[in-house]
Amino acid sequence: MSSGQAAETIALLNLADAGDYIVSSSSLYGGTDNLAPVAAVAHEMDVPLVVDNIVAKPYLIRPIEWGADVVVHSATNPIPAITAWSMHGILG
């Protein structure tokens, strides 16, 4: 996807049917502290847990290991090393 919001939309549209509810957190930075308990409740209710991991880097926080079913990443928020290399190539 070209943006994180597009990736989230596609993920949710593929999971939801007409009449379904989507529950969302208003917290941007929930961290892993709350992820495992939320995953436990979601799985108990037989609801897929979609995690927006756009702010965190994939190598730092791996939501699948904490119980997420779907994880959304964005290509527009690259890993810092790639950004530094790209900027060096552009500015260098």
C-alpha atoms as a PDB file:
ATOM      1  CA  MET A   1       0.000   0.000   0.000  1.00  0.00           C
ATOM      2  CA  SER A   2       1.117   3.545  -0.520  1.00  0.00           C
ATOM      3  CA  SER A   3       0.146   4.596   3.007  1.00  0.00           C
ATOM      4  CA  GLY A   4      -0.507   3.095   6.399  1.00  0.00           C
ATOM      5  CA  GLN A   5      -4.104   4.229   6.350  1.00  0.00           C
ATOM      6  CA  ALA A   6      -4.658   2.471   3.020  1.00  0.00           C
ATOM      7  CA  ALA A   7      -3.164  -0.722   4.459  1.00  0.00           C
ATOM      8  CA  GLU A   8      -5.427  -0.501   7.509  1.00  0.00           C
ATOM      9  CA  THR A   9      -8.489   0.078   5.333  1.00  0.00           C
ATOM     10  CA  ILE A  10      -7.725  -2.918   3.119  1.00  0.00           C
ATOM     11  CA  ALA A  11      -7.096  -5.141   6.162  1.00  0.00           C
ATOM     12  CA  LEU A  12     -10.364  -4.123   7.824  1.00  0.00           C
ATOM     13  CA  LEU A  13     -12.460  -4.320   4.660  1.00  0.00           C
ATOM     14  CA  ASN A  14     -11.234  -7.877   4.119  1.00  0.00           C
ATOM     15  CA  LEU A  15     -12.188  -8.909   7.661  1.00  0.00           C
ATOM     16  CA  ALA A  16     -15.494  -7.090   8.187  1.00  0.00           C
ATOM     17  CA  ASP A  17     -18.874  -7.938   6.739  1.00  0.00           C
ATOM     18  CA  ALA A  18     -21.974  -5.769   6.525  1.00  0.00           C
ATOM     19  CA  GLY A  19     -23.326  -5.186  10.028  1.00  0.00           C
ATOM     20  CA  ASP A  20     -20.040  -6.042  11.791  1.00  0.00           C
ATOM     21  CA  TYR A  21     -18.546  -3.764  14.419  1.00  0.00           C
ATOM     22  CA  ILE A  22     -14.968  -2.519  14.420  1.00  0.00           C
ATOM     23  CA  VAL A  23     -13.518  -1.707  17.830  1.00  0.00           C
ATOM     24  CA  SER A  24     -10.584   0.685  17.911  1.00  0.00           C
ATOM     25  CA  SER A  25      -8.329   2.157  20.560  1.00  0.00           C
ATOM     26  CA  SER A  26      -7.892   5.905  20.835  1.00  0.00           C
ATOM     27  CA  SER A  27      -4.365   5.359  22.146  1.00  0.00           C
ATOM     28  CA  LEU A  28      -1.605   5.873  19.602  1.00  0.00           C
ATOM     29  CA  TYR A  29       1.186   4.362  21.687  1.00  0.00           C
ATOM     30  CA  GLY A  30      -0.233   1.342  23.475  1.00  0.00           C
ATOM     31  CA  GLY A  31       3.029  -0.566  23.643  1.00  0.00           C
ATOM     32  CA  THR A  32       3.307  -4.278  24.235  1.00  0.00           C
ATOM     33  CA  ASP A  33       2.099  -3.982  27.850  1.00  0.00           C
ATOM     34  CA  ASN A  34      -1.538  -3.969  26.773  1.00  0.00           C
ATOM     35  CA  LEU A  35      -1.241  -6.101  23.657  1.00  0.00           C
ATOM     36  CA  ALA A  36      -1.256  -9.580  25.208  1.00  0.00           C
ATOM     37  CA  PRO A  37      -4.367  -8.963  27.376  1.00  0.00           C
ATOM     38  CA  VAL A  38      -6.205  -7.392  24.428  1.00  0.00           C
ATOM     39  CA  ALA A  39      -5.218 -10.350  22.245  1.00  0.00           C
ATOM     40  CA  ALA A  40      -6.500 -12.776  24.879  1.00  0.00           C
ATOM     41  CA  VAL A  41      -9.898 -11.047  24.994  1.00  0.00           C
ATOM     42  CA  ALA A  42     -10.092 -10.844  21.192  1.00  0.00           C
ATOM     43  CA  HIS A  43      -9.321 -14.544  20.807  1.00  0.00           C
ATOM     44  CA  GLU A  44     -11.779 -15.466  23.560  1.00  0.00           C
ATOM     45  CA  MET A  45     -14.469 -13.587  21.599  1.00  0.00           C
ATOM     46  CA  ASP A  46     -13.255 -15.160  18.306  1.00  0.00           C
ATOM     47  CA  VAL A  47     -12.380 -11.729  16.906  1.00  0.00           C
ATOM     48  CA  PRO A  48      -9.237 -11.112  14.821  1.00  0.00           C
ATOM     49  CA  LEU A  49      -6.834  -8.602  16.325  1.00  0.00           C
ATOM     50  CA  VAL A  50      -5.369  -6.139  13.799  1.00  0.00           C
ATOM     51  CA  VAL A  51      -2.386  -4.136  15.044  1.00  0.00           C
ATOM     52  CA  ASP A  52      -1.153  -0.933  13.443  1.00  0.00           C
ATOM     53  CA  ASN A  53       2.623  -1.244  13.813  1.00  0.00           C
ATOM     54  CA  ILE A  54       3.394   1.700  11.559  1.00  0.00           C
ATOM     55  CA  VAL A  55       5.080   3.851  14.203  1.00  0.00           C
ATOM     56  CA  ALA A  56       7.184   1.034  15.660  1.00  0.00           C
ATOM     57  CA  LYS A  57       9.779  -0.746  13.581  1.00  0.00           C
ATOM     58  CA  PRO A  58       9.125  -4.401  12.634  1.00  0.00           C
ATOM     59  CA  TYR A  59      12.367  -5.563  14.235  1.00  0.00           C
ATOM     60  CA  LEU A  60      11.585  -3.847  17.575  1.00  0.00           C
ATOM     61  CA  ILE A  61       7.989  -4.832  18.266  1.00  0.00           C
ATOM     62  CA  ARG A  62       6.683  -8.031  16.730  1.00  0.00           C
ATOM     63  CA  PRO A  63       2.923  -8.015  17.475  1.00  0.00           C
ATOM     64  CA  ILE A  64       2.376 -11.542  16.131  1.00  0.00           C
ATOM     65  CA  GLU A  65       4.440 -12.805  19.076  1.00  0.00           C
ATOM     66  CA  TRP A  66       2.069 -10.930  21.446  1.00  0.00           C
ATOM     67  CA  GLY A  67      -1.094 -12.415  19.912  1.00  0.00           C
ATOM     68  CA  ALA A  68      -1.950 -10.191  16.944  1.00  0.00           C
ATOM     69  CA  ASP A  69      -3.562 -11.892  13.965  1.00  0.00           C
ATOM     70  CA  VAL A  70      -2.861  -9.178  11.376  1.00  0.00           C
ATOM     71  CA  VAL A  71      -0.096  -6.567  11.529  1.00  0.00           C
ATOM     72  CA  VAL A  72      -0.076  -3.454   9.352  1.00  0.00           C
ATOM     73  CA  HIS A  73       3.235  -1.859   8.342  1.00  0.00           C
ATOM     74  CA  SER A  74       3.853   1.030   5.986  1.00  0.00           C
ATOM     75  CA  ALA A  75       6.425   1.397   3.238  1.00  0.00           C
ATOM     76  CA  THR A  76       6.260   5.171   3.735  1.00  0.00           C
ATOM     77  CA  ASN A  77       7.773   4.826   7.217  1.00  0.00           C
ATOM     78  CA  PRO A  78      11.031   3.014   6.383  1.00  0.00           C
ATOM     79  CA  ILE A  79      13.593   1.579   8.738  1.00  0.00           C
ATOM     80  CA  PRO A  80      16.035   4.355   9.839  1.00  0.00           C
ATOM     81  CA  ALA A  81      19.091   2.700   8.299  1.00  0.00           C
ATOM     82  CA  ILE A  82      17.410   2.656   4.912  1.00  0.00           C
ATOM     83  CA  THR A  83      16.381   6.290   5.350  1.00  0.00           C
ATOM     84  CA  ALA A  84      19.931   7.316   6.274  1.00  0.00           C
ATOM     85  CA  TRP A  85      21.313   5.437   3.280  1.00  0.00           C
ATOM     86  CA  SER A  86      18.732   6.951   0.929  1.00  0.00           C
ATOM     87  CA  MET A  87      19.321  10.479   2.216  1.00  0.00           C
ATOM     88  CA  HIS A  88      23.069   9.999   1.860  1.00  0.00           C
ATOM     89  CA  GLY A  89      22.516   8.901  -1.726  1.00  0.00           C
ATOM     90  CA  ILE A  90      20.308  11.922  -2.434  1.00  0.00           C
ATOM     91  CA  LEU A  91      22.410  14.518  -0.605  1.00  0.00           C
ATOM     92  CA  GLY A  92      25.840  12.947  -0.982  1.00  0.00           C
END
